C-alpha cells in the first residue's frame, strides 16, 4: 500500500474533526472516565 502525506486542506476539516472526536470517544474511553471523555468532547465542539 502506498501512502501520500500532504498538508491538510480546508476540505479535509470535517474528516479530521470526525476522526479526532471518534478517537476521543472510542480510544480515550479505555483510559478515562465517561465524565472526562464527555467534558473533552464538549470542549472540542
PDB file of N, CA and C in Angstrom:
ATOM      1  N   UNK A   1       0.845  -1.173   0.000  1.00  0.00           N
ATOM      2  CA  UNK A   1       0.000   0.000   0.000  1.00  0.00           C
ATOM      3  C   UNK A   1       0.897   1.244   0.000  1.00  0.00           C
ATOM      4  N   UNK A   2       0.526   2.208  -0.799  1.00  0.00           N
ATOM      5  CA  UNK A   2       1.307   3.435  -0.901  1.00  0.00           C
ATOM      6  C   UNK A   2       0.546   4.581  -0.225  1.00  0.00           C
ATOM      7  N   UNK A   3       1.241   5.338   0.606  1.00  0.00           N
ATOM      8  CA  UNK A   3       0.644   6.479   1.284  1.00  0.00           C
ATOM      9  C   UNK A   3       1.260   7.766   0.763  1.00  0.00           C
ATOM     10  N   UNK A   4       0.435   8.779   0.684  1.00  0.00           N
ATOM     11  CA  UNK A   4       0.905  10.108   0.305  1.00  0.00           C
ATOM     12  C   UNK A   4       0.618  11.037   1.481  1.00  0.00           C
ATOM     13  N   UNK A   5       1.650  11.698   1.975  1.00  0.00           N
ATOM     14  CA  UNK A   5       1.497  12.639   3.078  1.00  0.00           C
ATOM     15  C   UNK A   5       1.478  14.047   2.497  1.00  0.00           C
ATOM     16  N   UNK A   6       0.459  14.818   2.882  1.00  0.00           N
ATOM     17  CA  UNK A   6       0.325  16.180   2.383  1.00  0.00           C
ATOM     18  C   UNK A   6      -0.248  17.053   3.486  1.00  0.00           C
ATOM     19  N   UNK A   7      -0.157  18.341   3.292  1.00  0.00           N
ATOM     20  CA  UNK A   7      -0.762  19.275   4.237  1.00  0.00           C
ATOM     21  C   UNK A   7      -2.276  19.173   4.127  1.00  0.00           C
ATOM     22  N   UNK A   8      -2.930  19.348   5.255  1.00  0.00           N
ATOM     23  CA  UNK A   8      -4.392  19.343   5.253  1.00  0.00           C
ATOM     24  C   UNK A   8      -4.900  20.576   4.519  1.00  0.00           C
ATOM     25  N   UNK A   9      -6.055  20.408   3.915  1.00  0.00           N
ATOM     26  CA  UNK A   9      -6.720  21.491   3.202  1.00  0.00           C
ATOM     27  C   UNK A   9      -8.071  21.735   3.866  1.00  0.00           C
ATOM     28  N   UNK A  10      -8.663  22.896   3.641  1.00  0.00           N
ATOM     29  CA  UNK A  10      -9.966  23.184   4.250  1.00  0.00           C
ATOM     30  C   UNK A  10     -11.007  22.084   4.001  1.00  0.00           C
ATOM     31  N   UNK A  11     -10.965  21.472   2.846  1.00  0.00           N
ATOM     32  CA  UNK A  11     -11.947  20.416   2.540  1.00  0.00           C
ATOM     33  C   UNK A  11     -11.763  19.177   3.421  1.00  0.00           C
ATOM     34  N   UNK A  12     -10.624  19.068   4.105  1.00  0.00           N
ATOM     35  CA  UNK A  12     -10.343  17.929   4.983  1.00  0.00           C
ATOM     36  C   UNK A  12     -10.880  18.133   6.400  1.00  0.00           C
ATOM     37  N   UNK A  13     -11.354  19.332   6.713  1.00  0.00           N
ATOM     38  CA  UNK A  13     -11.705  19.690   8.091  1.00  0.00           C
ATOM     39  C   UNK A  13     -12.716  18.732   8.727  1.00  0.00           C
ATOM     40  N   UNK A  14     -13.782  18.413   8.029  1.00  0.00           N
ATOM     41  CA  UNK A  14     -14.803  17.550   8.628  1.00  0.00           C
ATOM     42  C   UNK A  14     -14.248  16.158   8.923  1.00  0.00           C
ATOM     43  N   UNK A  15     -13.478  15.591   8.019  1.00  0.00           N
ATOM     44  CA  UNK A  15     -12.889  14.269   8.244  1.00  0.00           C
ATOM     45  C   UNK A  15     -11.912  14.263   9.408  1.00  0.00           C
ATOM     46  N   UNK A  16     -11.120  15.318   9.519  1.00  0.00           N
ATOM     47  CA  UNK A  16     -10.175  15.428  10.637  1.00  0.00           C
ATOM     48  C   UNK A  16     -10.942  15.554  11.945  1.00  0.00           C
ATOM     49  N   UNK A  17     -11.951  16.410  11.957  1.00  0.00           N
ATOM     50  CA  UNK A  17     -12.782  16.587  13.153  1.00  0.00           C
ATOM     51  C   UNK A  17     -13.432  15.261  13.565  1.00  0.00           C
ATOM     52  N   UNK A  18     -14.003  14.564  12.602  1.00  0.00           N
ATOM     53  CA  UNK A  18     -14.677  13.294  12.885  1.00  0.00           C
ATOM     54  C   UNK A  18     -13.700  12.267  13.453  1.00  0.00           C
ATOM     55  N   UNK A  19     -12.526  12.153  12.855  1.00  0.00           N
ATOM     56  CA  UNK A  19     -11.522  11.206  13.346  1.00  0.00           C
ATOM     57  C   UNK A  19     -11.079  11.571  14.764  1.00  0.00           C
ATOM     58  N   UNK A  20     -10.906  12.850  15.015  1.00  0.00           N
ATOM     59  CA  UNK A  20     -10.486  13.307  16.343  1.00  0.00           C
ATOM     60  C   UNK A  20     -11.549  12.978  17.392  1.00  0.00           C
ATOM     61  N   UNK A  21     -12.802  13.277  17.091  1.00  0.00           N
ATOM     62  CA  UNK A  21     -13.885  13.005  18.038  1.00  0.00           C
ATOM     63  C   UNK A  21     -14.049  11.511  18.294  1.00  0.00           C
ATOM     64  N   UNK A  22     -13.955  10.705  17.235  1.00  0.00           N
ATOM     65  CA  UNK A  22     -14.079   9.252  17.412  1.00  0.00           C
ATOM     66  C   UNK A  22     -12.933   8.715  18.260  1.00  0.00           C
ATOM     67  N   UNK A  23     -11.733   9.252  18.064  1.00  0.00           N
ATOM     68  CA  UNK A  23     -10.600   8.773  18.863  1.00  0.00           C
ATOM     69  C   UNK A  23     -10.792   9.115  20.330  1.00  0.00           C
ATOM     70  N   UNK A  24     -11.329  10.297  20.608  1.00  0.00           N
ATOM     71  CA  UNK A  24     -11.604  10.667  21.997  1.00  0.00           C
ATOM     72  C   UNK A  24     -12.658   9.737  22.579  1.00  0.00           C
ATOM     73  N   UNK A  25     -13.736   9.540  21.859  1.00  0.00           N
ATOM     74  CA  UNK A  25     -14.862   8.765  22.382  1.00  0.00           C
ATOM     75  C   UNK A  25     -14.570   7.272  22.448  1.00  0.00           C
ATOM     76  N   UNK A  26     -13.792   6.727  21.520  1.00  0.00           N
ATOM     77  CA  UNK A  26     -13.583   5.284  21.464  1.00  0.00           C
ATOM     78  C   UNK A  26     -12.256   4.847  22.085  1.00  0.00           C
ATOM     79  N   UNK A  27     -11.187   5.523  21.780  1.00  0.00           N
ATOM     80  CA  UNK A  27      -9.875   5.102  22.266  1.00  0.00           C
ATOM     81  C   UNK A  27      -9.617   5.621  23.682  1.00  0.00           C
ATOM     82  N   UNK A  28      -9.872   6.906  23.891  1.00  0.00           N
ATOM     83  CA  UNK A  28      -9.592   7.508  25.206  1.00  0.00           C
ATOM     84  C   UNK A  28     -10.502   6.958  26.292  1.00  0.00           C
ATOM     85  N   UNK A  29     -11.658   6.446  25.897  1.00  0.00           N
ATOM     86  CA  UNK A  29     -12.589   5.916  26.892  1.00  0.00           C
ATOM     87  C   UNK A  29     -12.026   4.686  27.602  1.00  0.00           C
ATOM     88  N   UNK A  30     -10.992   4.107  27.053  1.00  0.00           N
ATOM     89  CA  UNK A  30     -10.352   2.956  27.705  1.00  0.00           C
ATOM     90  C   UNK A  30      -9.540   3.386  28.927  1.00  0.00           C
ATOM     91  N   UNK A  31      -9.087   4.636  28.916  1.00  0.00           N
ATOM     92  CA  UNK A  31      -8.198   5.112  29.978  1.00  0.00           C
ATOM     93  C   UNK A  31      -8.777   6.245  30.812  1.00  0.00           C
ATOM     94  N   UNK A  32      -9.937   6.765  30.423  1.00  0.00           N
ATOM     95  CA  UNK A  32     -10.522   7.909  31.120  1.00  0.00           C
ATOM     96  C   UNK A  32     -11.984   7.624  31.437  1.00  0.00           C
ATOM     97  N   UNK A  33     -12.479   8.270  32.484  1.00  0.00           N
ATOM     98  CA  UNK A  33     -13.878   8.076  32.873  1.00  0.00           C
ATOM     99  C   UNK A  33     -14.805   8.691  31.822  1.00  0.00           C
ATOM    100  N   UNK A  34     -16.062   8.286  31.845  1.00  0.00           N
ATOM    101  CA  UNK A  34     -17.024   8.840  30.898  1.00  0.00           C
ATOM    102  C   UNK A  34     -17.201  10.342  31.127  1.00  0.00           C
ATOM    103  N   UNK A  35     -17.077  10.779  32.383  1.00  0.00           N
ATOM    104  CA  UNK A  35     -17.179  12.212  32.675  1.00  0.00           C
ATOM    105  C   UNK A  35     -16.035  12.985  32.012  1.00  0.00           C
ATOM    106  N   UNK A  36     -14.828  12.432  32.070  1.00  0.00           N
ATOM    107  CA  UNK A  36     -13.680  13.085  31.444  1.00  0.00           C
ATOM    108  C   UNK A  36     -13.837  13.141  29.922  1.00  0.00           C
ATOM    109  N   UNK A  37     -14.254  12.042  29.347  1.00  0.00           N
ATOM    110  CA  UNK A  37     -14.439  11.988  27.893  1.00  0.00           C
ATOM    111  C   UNK A  37     -15.532  12.971  27.456  1.00  0.00           C
ATOM    112  N   UNK A  38     -16.653  12.981  28.187  1.00  0.00           N
ATOM    113  CA  UNK A  38     -17.744  13.896  27.854  1.00  0.00           C
ATOM    114  C   UNK A  38     -17.287  15.356  27.939  1.00  0.00           C
ATOM    115  N   UNK A  39     -16.519  15.686  28.965  1.00  0.00           N
ATOM    116  CA  UNK A  39     -16.029  17.058  29.120  1.00  0.00           C
ATOM    117  C   UNK A  39     -15.089  17.416  27.979  1.00  0.00           C
ATOM    118  N   UNK A  40     -14.247  16.482  27.584  1.00  0.00           N
ATOM    119  CA  UNK A  40     -13.295  16.740  26.500  1.00  0.00           C
ATOM    120  C   UNK A  40     -14.039  16.978  25.181  1.00  0.00           C
ATOM    121  N   UNK A  41     -15.041  16.168  24.918  1.00  0.00           N
ATOM    122  CA  UNK A  41     -15.813  16.290  23.690  1.00  0.00           C
ATOM    123  C   UNK A  41     -16.582  17.618  23.703  1.00  0.00           C
ATOM    124  N   UNK A  42     -17.146  17.991  24.837  1.00  0.00           N
ATOM    125  CA  UNK A  42     -17.889  19.257  24.911  1.00  0.00           C
ATOM    126  C   UNK A  42     -16.973  20.455  24.649  1.00  0.00           C
ATOM    127  N   UNK A  43     -15.755  20.405  25.144  1.00  0.00           N
ATOM    128  CA  UNK A  43     -14.798  21.493  24.929  1.00  0.00           C
ATOM    129  C   UNK A  43     -14.460  21.604  23.460  1.00  0.00           C
ATOM    130  N   UNK A  44     -14.390  20.485  22.776  1.00  0.00           N
ATOM    131  CA  UNK A  44     -13.988  20.453  21.382  1.00  0.00           C
ATOM    132  C   UNK A  44     -15.087  20.932  20.438  1.00  0.00           C
ATOM    133  N   UNK A  45     -16.326  20.974  20.861  1.00  0.00           N
ATOM    134  CA  UNK A  45     -17.432  21.338  19.955  1.00  0.00           C
ATOM    135  C   UNK A  45     -17.471  22.788  19.643  1.00  0.00           C
TER     136      UNK A  45
END
